[in-house]
């Protein structure tokens, strides 16, 4: 999971930089680059959701069991 989170963090940083670039009118290459980042985000969405599903299930189990966790209790 730790490797997956590091990969996700790196992906987000790259996508963030790519998506914050301003595309000027007539800048076809810039537009294609921006669209490439959008497609990468779309393609990565399902894998990211699947990666976090076990964590969501654990959180729900803790809620049902009335166990509360503080952010300080979590070692991320």
PDB file of N, CA and C in Angstrom:
ATOM      1  N   UNK A   1       0.832  -1.199   0.000  1.00  0.00           N
ATOM      2  CA  UNK A   1       0.000   0.000   0.000  1.00  0.00           C
ATOM      3  C   UNK A   1       0.868   1.251   0.000  1.00  0.00           C
ATOM      4  N   UNK A   2       1.988   1.201   0.726  1.00  0.00           N
ATOM      5  CA  UNK A   2       2.856   2.379   0.813  1.00  0.00           C
ATOM      6  C   UNK A   2       3.412   2.755  -0.562  1.00  0.00           C
ATOM      7  N   UNK A   3       3.821   1.760  -1.334  1.00  0.00           N
ATOM      8  CA  UNK A   3       4.323   2.019  -2.685  1.00  0.00           C
ATOM      9  C   UNK A   3       3.211   2.606  -3.546  1.00  0.00           C
ATOM     10  N   UNK A   4       2.015   2.063  -3.422  1.00  0.00           N
ATOM     11  CA  UNK A   4       0.878   2.570  -4.191  1.00  0.00           C
ATOM     12  C   UNK A   4       0.588   4.024  -3.846  1.00  0.00           C
ATOM     13  N   UNK A   5       0.694   4.374  -2.569  1.00  0.00           N
ATOM     14  CA  UNK A   5       0.447   5.758  -2.160  1.00  0.00           C
ATOM     15  C   UNK A   5       1.530   6.688  -2.684  1.00  0.00           C
ATOM     16  N   UNK A   6       2.765   6.212  -2.693  1.00  0.00           N
ATOM     17  CA  UNK A   6       3.855   7.028  -3.238  1.00  0.00           C
ATOM     18  C   UNK A   6       3.644   7.240  -4.737  1.00  0.00           C
ATOM     19  N   UNK A   7       3.253   6.179  -5.438  1.00  0.00           N
ATOM     20  CA  UNK A   7       2.964   6.293  -6.870  1.00  0.00           C
ATOM     21  C   UNK A   7       1.818   7.266  -7.114  1.00  0.00           C
ATOM     22  N   UNK A   8       0.778   7.174  -6.295  1.00  0.00           N
ATOM     23  CA  UNK A   8      -0.370   8.066  -6.438  1.00  0.00           C
ATOM     24  C   UNK A   8       0.036   9.515  -6.186  1.00  0.00           C
ATOM     25  N   UNK A   9       0.842   9.736  -5.162  1.00  0.00           N
ATOM     26  CA  UNK A   9       1.301  11.086  -4.852  1.00  0.00           C
ATOM     27  C   UNK A   9       2.089  11.665  -6.026  1.00  0.00           C
ATOM     28  N   UNK A  10       2.982  10.869  -6.594  1.00  0.00           N
ATOM     29  CA  UNK A  10       3.771  11.319  -7.739  1.00  0.00           C
ATOM     30  C   UNK A  10       2.869  11.617  -8.939  1.00  0.00           C
ATOM     31  N   UNK A  11       1.901  10.740  -9.176  1.00  0.00           N
ATOM     32  CA  UNK A  11       0.948  10.941 -10.272  1.00  0.00           C
ATOM     33  C   UNK A  11       0.178  12.251 -10.090  1.00  0.00           C
ATOM     34  N   UNK A  12      -0.291  12.498  -8.879  1.00  0.00           N
ATOM     35  CA  UNK A  12      -1.054  13.710  -8.592  1.00  0.00           C
ATOM     36  C   UNK A  12      -0.195  14.952  -8.809  1.00  0.00           C
ATOM     37  N   UNK A  13       1.048  14.898  -8.378  1.00  0.00           N
ATOM     38  CA  UNK A  13       1.935  16.044  -8.554  1.00  0.00           C
ATOM     39  C   UNK A  13       2.152  16.345 -10.038  1.00  0.00           C
ATOM     40  N   UNK A  14       2.384  15.312 -10.830  1.00  0.00           N
ATOM     41  CA  UNK A  14       2.598  15.492 -12.264  1.00  0.00           C
ATOM     42  C   UNK A  14       1.325  16.025 -12.934  1.00  0.00           C
ATOM     43  N   UNK A  15       0.197  15.416 -12.606  1.00  0.00           N
ATOM     44  CA  UNK A  15      -1.077  15.854 -13.195  1.00  0.00           C
ATOM     45  C   UNK A  15      -1.396  17.285 -12.777  1.00  0.00           C
ATOM     46  N   UNK A  16      -1.128  17.614 -11.527  1.00  0.00           N
ATOM     47  CA  UNK A  16      -1.412  18.963 -11.030  1.00  0.00           C
ATOM     48  C   UNK A  16      -0.622  20.007 -11.814  1.00  0.00           C
ATOM     49  N   UNK A  17       0.647  19.742 -12.025  1.00  0.00           N
ATOM     50  CA  UNK A  17       1.475  20.676 -12.798  1.00  0.00           C
ATOM     51  C   UNK A  17       0.949  20.771 -14.229  1.00  0.00           C
ATOM     52  N   UNK A  18       0.649  19.633 -14.830  1.00  0.00           N
ATOM     53  CA  UNK A  18       0.165  19.621 -16.206  1.00  0.00           C
ATOM     54  C   UNK A  18      -1.174  20.303 -16.384  1.00  0.00           C
ATOM     55  N   UNK A  19      -2.030  20.199 -15.370  1.00  0.00           N
ATOM     56  CA  UNK A  19      -3.365  20.774 -15.485  1.00  0.00           C
ATOM     57  C   UNK A  19      -3.429  22.242 -15.068  1.00  0.00           C
ATOM     58  N   UNK A  20      -2.380  22.745 -14.434  1.00  0.00           N
ATOM     59  CA  UNK A  20      -2.377  24.157 -14.058  1.00  0.00           C
ATOM     60  C   UNK A  20      -1.720  25.032 -15.125  1.00  0.00           C
ATOM     61  N   UNK A  21      -1.140  24.414 -16.148  1.00  0.00           N
ATOM     62  CA  UNK A  21      -0.575  25.186 -17.250  1.00  0.00           C
ATOM     63  C   UNK A  21      -1.693  25.868 -18.024  1.00  0.00           C
ATOM     64  N   UNK A  22      -1.477  27.109 -18.348  1.00  0.00           N
ATOM     65  CA  UNK A  22      -2.445  27.855 -19.139  1.00  0.00           C
ATOM     66  C   UNK A  22      -2.270  27.501 -20.608  1.00  0.00           C
ATOM     67  N   UNK A  23      -3.368  27.199 -21.258  1.00  0.00           N
ATOM     68  CA  UNK A  23      -3.343  26.890 -22.689  1.00  0.00           C
ATOM     69  C   UNK A  23      -3.860  28.119 -23.429  1.00  0.00           C
ATOM     70  N   UNK A  24      -2.977  28.701 -24.191  1.00  0.00           N
ATOM     71  CA  UNK A  24      -3.341  29.890 -24.957  1.00  0.00           C
ATOM     72  C   UNK A  24      -4.117  29.485 -26.209  1.00  0.00           C
ATOM     73  N   UNK A  25      -4.930  30.388 -26.696  1.00  0.00           N
ATOM     74  CA  UNK A  25      -5.693  30.129 -27.914  1.00  0.00           C
ATOM     75  C   UNK A  25      -4.728  29.831 -29.060  1.00  0.00           C
ATOM     76  N   UNK A  26      -4.999  28.749 -29.770  1.00  0.00           N
ATOM     77  CA  UNK A  26      -4.162  28.343 -30.894  1.00  0.00           C
ATOM     78  C   UNK A  26      -2.991  27.457 -30.509  1.00  0.00           C
ATOM     79  N   UNK A  27      -2.802  27.194 -29.216  1.00  0.00           N
ATOM     80  CA  UNK A  27      -1.690  26.350 -28.751  1.00  0.00           C
ATOM     81  C   UNK A  27      -2.128  24.891 -28.776  1.00  0.00           C
ATOM     82  N   UNK A  28      -2.045  24.296 -29.946  1.00  0.00           N
ATOM     83  CA  UNK A  28      -2.503  22.925 -30.135  1.00  0.00           C
ATOM     84  C   UNK A  28      -1.712  21.950 -29.274  1.00  0.00           C
ATOM     85  N   UNK A  29      -0.383  22.092 -29.252  1.00  0.00           N
ATOM     86  CA  UNK A  29       0.441  21.175 -28.464  1.00  0.00           C
ATOM     87  C   UNK A  29       0.115  21.271 -26.977  1.00  0.00           C
ATOM     88  N   UNK A  30      -0.091  22.496 -26.491  1.00  0.00           N
ATOM     89  CA  UNK A  30      -0.462  22.677 -25.086  1.00  0.00           C
ATOM     90  C   UNK A  30      -1.809  22.054 -24.770  1.00  0.00           C
ATOM     91  N   UNK A  31      -2.742  22.184 -25.705  1.00  0.00           N
ATOM     92  CA  UNK A  31      -4.069  21.590 -25.526  1.00  0.00           C
ATOM     93  C   UNK A  31      -3.988  20.072 -25.483  1.00  0.00           C
ATOM     94  N   UNK A  32      -3.202  19.500 -26.387  1.00  0.00           N
ATOM     95  CA  UNK A  32      -3.042  18.040 -26.420  1.00  0.00           C
ATOM     96  C   UNK A  32      -2.383  17.556 -25.134  1.00  0.00           C
ATOM     97  N   UNK A  33      -1.405  18.291 -24.637  1.00  0.00           N
ATOM     98  CA  UNK A  33      -0.745  17.907 -23.389  1.00  0.00           C
ATOM     99  C   UNK A  33      -1.731  17.940 -22.226  1.00  0.00           C
ATOM    100  N   UNK A  34      -2.527  18.992 -22.146  1.00  0.00           N
ATOM    101  CA  UNK A  34      -3.532  19.115 -21.087  1.00  0.00           C
ATOM    102  C   UNK A  34      -4.558  17.984 -21.174  1.00  0.00           C
ATOM    103  N   UNK A  35      -5.011  17.697 -22.378  1.00  0.00           N
ATOM    104  CA  UNK A  35      -5.979  16.612 -22.567  1.00  0.00           C
ATOM    105  C   UNK A  35      -5.363  15.269 -22.181  1.00  0.00           C
ATOM    106  N   UNK A  36      -4.080  15.108 -22.425  1.00  0.00           N
ATOM    107  CA  UNK A  36      -3.393  13.882 -22.012  1.00  0.00           C
ATOM    108  C   UNK A  36      -3.431  13.701 -20.507  1.00  0.00           C
ATOM    109  N   UNK A  37      -3.247  14.795 -19.765  1.00  0.00           N
ATOM    110  CA  UNK A  37      -3.333  14.719 -18.305  1.00  0.00           C
ATOM    111  C   UNK A  37      -4.753  14.382 -17.851  1.00  0.00           C
ATOM    112  N   UNK A  38      -5.746  14.969 -18.507  1.00  0.00           N
ATOM    113  CA  UNK A  38      -7.141  14.662 -18.169  1.00  0.00           C
ATOM    114  C   UNK A  38      -7.452  13.186 -18.418  1.00  0.00           C
ATOM    115  N   UNK A  39      -6.967  12.665 -19.530  1.00  0.00           N
ATOM    116  CA  UNK A  39      -7.194  11.248 -19.834  1.00  0.00           C
ATOM    117  C   UNK A  39      -6.491  10.354 -18.816  1.00  0.00           C
ATOM    118  N   UNK A  40      -5.292  10.742 -18.397  1.00  0.00           N
ATOM    119  CA  UNK A  40      -4.556   9.956 -17.407  1.00  0.00           C
ATOM    120  C   UNK A  40      -5.310   9.920 -16.081  1.00  0.00           C
ATOM    121  N   UNK A  41      -5.888  11.062 -15.690  1.00  0.00           N
ATOM    122  CA  UNK A  41      -6.679  11.112 -14.452  1.00  0.00           C
ATOM    123  C   UNK A  41      -7.894  10.196 -14.580  1.00  0.00           C
ATOM    124  N   UNK A  42      -8.584  10.288 -15.713  1.00  0.00           N
ATOM    125  CA  UNK A  42      -9.758   9.441 -15.936  1.00  0.00           C
ATOM    126  C   UNK A  42      -9.375   7.960 -15.877  1.00  0.00           C
ATOM    127  N   UNK A  43      -8.272   7.612 -16.527  1.00  0.00           N
ATOM    128  CA  UNK A  43      -7.845   6.213 -16.565  1.00  0.00           C
ATOM    129  C   UNK A  43      -7.402   5.705 -15.200  1.00  0.00           C
ATOM    130  N   UNK A  44      -6.893   6.583 -14.375  1.00  0.00           N
ATOM    131  CA  UNK A  44      -6.371   6.178 -13.068  1.00  0.00           C
ATOM    132  C   UNK A  44      -7.461   6.123 -11.999  1.00  0.00           C
ATOM    133  N   UNK A  45      -8.603   6.726 -12.247  1.00  0.00           N
ATOM    134  CA  UNK A  45      -9.654   6.852 -11.240  1.00  0.00           C
ATOM    135  C   UNK A  45     -10.109   5.507 -10.687  1.00  0.00           C
ATOM    136  N   UNK A  46     -10.405   4.551 -11.550  1.00  0.00           N
ATOM    137  CA  UNK A  46     -10.909   3.261 -11.074  1.00  0.00           C
ATOM    138  C   UNK A  46      -9.874   2.537 -10.227  1.00  0.00           C
ATOM    139  N   UNK A  47      -8.618   2.537 -10.675  1.00  0.00           N
ATOM    140  CA  UNK A  47      -7.557   1.865  -9.911  1.00  0.00           C
ATOM    141  C   UNK A  47      -7.384   2.509  -8.538  1.00  0.00           C
ATOM    142  N   UNK A  48      -7.515   3.821  -8.494  1.00  0.00           N
ATOM    143  CA  UNK A  48      -7.389   4.528  -7.221  1.00  0.00           C
ATOM    144  C   UNK A  48      -8.558   4.188  -6.302  1.00  0.00           C
ATOM    145  N   UNK A  49      -9.752   4.146  -6.851  1.00  0.00           N
ATOM    146  CA  UNK A  49     -10.920   3.767  -6.049  1.00  0.00           C
ATOM    147  C   UNK A  49     -10.761   2.364  -5.480  1.00  0.00           C
ATOM    148  N   UNK A  50     -10.283   1.447  -6.288  1.00  0.00           N
ATOM    149  CA  UNK A  50     -10.081   0.061  -5.848  1.00  0.00           C
ATOM    150  C   UNK A  50      -9.023   0.010  -4.745  1.00  0.00           C
ATOM    151  N   UNK A  51      -7.981   0.824  -4.892  1.00  0.00           N
ATOM    152  CA  UNK A  51      -6.897   0.839  -3.910  1.00  0.00           C
ATOM    153  C   UNK A  51      -7.410   1.273  -2.534  1.00  0.00           C
ATOM    154  N   UNK A  52      -8.361   2.201  -2.500  1.00  0.00           N
ATOM    155  CA  UNK A  52      -8.857   2.717  -1.232  1.00  0.00           C
ATOM    156  C   UNK A  52     -10.059   1.945  -0.682  1.00  0.00           C
ATOM    157  N   UNK A  53     -10.610   1.019  -1.438  1.00  0.00           N
ATOM    158  CA  UNK A  53     -11.794   0.275  -0.985  1.00  0.00           C
ATOM    159  C   UNK A  53     -11.558  -0.463   0.336  1.00  0.00           C
ATOM    160  N   UNK A  54     -10.436  -1.195   0.514  1.00  0.00           N
ATOM    161  CA  UNK A  54     -10.229  -1.869   1.808  1.00  0.00           C
ATOM    162  C   UNK A  54     -10.170  -0.883   2.976  1.00  0.00           C
ATOM    163  N   UNK A  55      -9.600   0.283   2.750  1.00  0.00           N
ATOM    164  CA  UNK A  55      -9.546   1.293   3.800  1.00  0.00           C
ATOM    165  C   UNK A  55     -10.944   1.798   4.138  1.00  0.00           C
ATOM    166  N   UNK A  56     -11.774   2.010   3.132  1.00  0.00           N
ATOM    167  CA  UNK A  56     -13.156   2.435   3.359  1.00  0.00           C
ATOM    168  C   UNK A  56     -13.913   1.377   4.163  1.00  0.00           C
ATOM    169  N   UNK A  57     -13.702   0.112   3.829  1.00  0.00           N
ATOM    170  CA  UNK A  57     -14.379  -0.969   4.545  1.00  0.00           C
ATOM    171  C   UNK A  57     -13.930  -1.031   6.003  1.00  0.00           C
ATOM    172  N   UNK A  58     -12.639  -0.813   6.239  1.00  0.00           N
ATOM    173  CA  UNK A  58     -12.123  -0.813   7.606  1.00  0.00           C
ATOM    174  C   UNK A  58     -12.724   0.330   8.409  1.00  0.00           C
ATOM    175  N   UNK A  59     -12.819   1.489   7.805  1.00  0.00           N
ATOM    176  CA  UNK A  59     -13.401   2.644   8.479  1.00  0.00           C
ATOM    177  C   UNK A  59     -14.862   2.380   8.826  1.00  0.00           C
ATOM    178  N   UNK A  60     -15.604   1.792   7.900  1.00  0.00           N
ATOM    179  CA  UNK A  60     -17.008   1.464   8.169  1.00  0.00           C
ATOM    180  C   UNK A  60     -17.125   0.460   9.310  1.00  0.00           C
ATOM    181  N   UNK A  61     -16.249  -0.543   9.338  1.00  0.00           N
ATOM    182  CA  UNK A  61     -16.266  -1.525  10.416  1.00  0.00           C
ATOM    183  C   UNK A  61     -15.976  -0.852  11.758  1.00  0.00           C
ATOM    184  N   UNK A  62     -15.026   0.063  11.768  1.00  0.00           N
ATOM    185  CA  UNK A  62     -14.723   0.785  13.003  1.00  0.00           C
ATOM    186  C   UNK A  62     -15.910   1.639  13.447  1.00  0.00           C
ATOM    187  N   UNK A  63     -16.608   2.251  12.508  1.00  0.00           N
ATOM    188  CA  UNK A  63     -17.788   3.049  12.851  1.00  0.00           C
ATOM    189  C   UNK A  63     -18.881   2.171  13.448  1.00  0.00           C
ATOM    190  N   UNK A  64     -19.119   1.021  12.822  1.00  0.00           N
ATOM    191  CA  UNK A  64     -20.144   0.099  13.318  1.00  0.00           C
ATOM    192  C   UNK A  64     -19.783  -0.377  14.725  1.00  0.00           C
ATOM    193  N   UNK A  65     -18.496  -0.572  14.960  1.00  0.00           N
ATOM    194  CA  UNK A  65     -18.040  -1.026  16.271  1.00  0.00           C
ATOM    195  C   UNK A  65     -17.893   0.120  17.264  1.00  0.00           C
ATOM    196  N   UNK A  66     -18.220   1.317  16.811  1.00  0.00           N
ATOM    197  CA  UNK A  66     -18.134   2.524  17.630  1.00  0.00           C
ATOM    198  C   UNK A  66     -16.724   2.786  18.140  1.00  0.00           C
ATOM    199  N   UNK A  67     -15.760   2.497  17.313  1.00  0.00           N
ATOM    200  CA  UNK A  67     -14.359   2.771  17.630  1.00  0.00           C
ATOM    201  C   UNK A  67     -13.968   4.040  16.881  1.00  0.00           C
ATOM    202  N   UNK A  68     -13.460   5.006  17.639  1.00  0.00           N
ATOM    203  CA  UNK A  68     -13.086   6.286  17.039  1.00  0.00           C
ATOM    204  C   UNK A  68     -11.574   6.381  16.971  1.00  0.00           C
ATOM    205  N   UNK A  69     -11.101   6.894  15.863  1.00  0.00           N
ATOM    206  CA  UNK A  69      -9.675   7.116  15.701  1.00  0.00           C
ATOM    207  C   UNK A  69      -9.414   8.594  15.483  1.00  0.00           C
ATOM    208  N   UNK A  70      -8.398   9.058  16.105  1.00  0.00           N
ATOM    209  CA  UNK A  70      -7.945  10.427  15.908  1.00  0.00           C
ATOM    210  C   UNK A  70      -6.856  10.398  14.837  1.00  0.00           C
ATOM    211  N   UNK A  71      -6.730  11.458  14.084  1.00  0.00           N
ATOM    212  CA  UNK A  71      -5.694  11.530  13.049  1.00  0.00           C
ATOM    213  C   UNK A  71      -4.309  11.297  13.644  1.00  0.00           C
ATOM    214  N   UNK A  72      -4.133  11.661  14.889  1.00  0.00           N
ATOM    215  CA  UNK A  72      -2.841  11.446  15.535  1.00  0.00           C
ATOM    216  C   UNK A  72      -2.569   9.968  15.811  1.00  0.00           C
ATOM    217  N   UNK A  73      -3.623   9.164  15.884  1.00  0.00           N
ATOM    218  CA  UNK A  73      -3.469   7.734  16.106  1.00  0.00           C
ATOM    219  C   UNK A  73      -2.978   7.016  14.854  1.00  0.00           C
ATOM    220  N   UNK A  74      -3.191   7.619  13.702  1.00  0.00           N
ATOM    221  CA  UNK A  74      -2.845   7.005  12.438  1.00  0.00           C
ATOM    222  C   UNK A  74      -1.404   7.329  12.071  1.00  0.00           C
ATOM    223  N   UNK A  75      -0.678   6.330  11.670  1.00  0.00           N
ATOM    224  CA  UNK A  75       0.704   6.549  11.220  1.00  0.00           C
ATOM    225  C   UNK A  75       0.710   6.401   9.717  1.00  0.00           C
ATOM    226  N   UNK A  76       0.742   7.530   9.045  1.00  0.00           N
ATOM    227  CA  UNK A  76       0.694   7.534   7.592  1.00  0.00           C
ATOM    228  C   UNK A  76       2.060   7.908   7.067  1.00  0.00           C
TER     229      UNK A  76
END
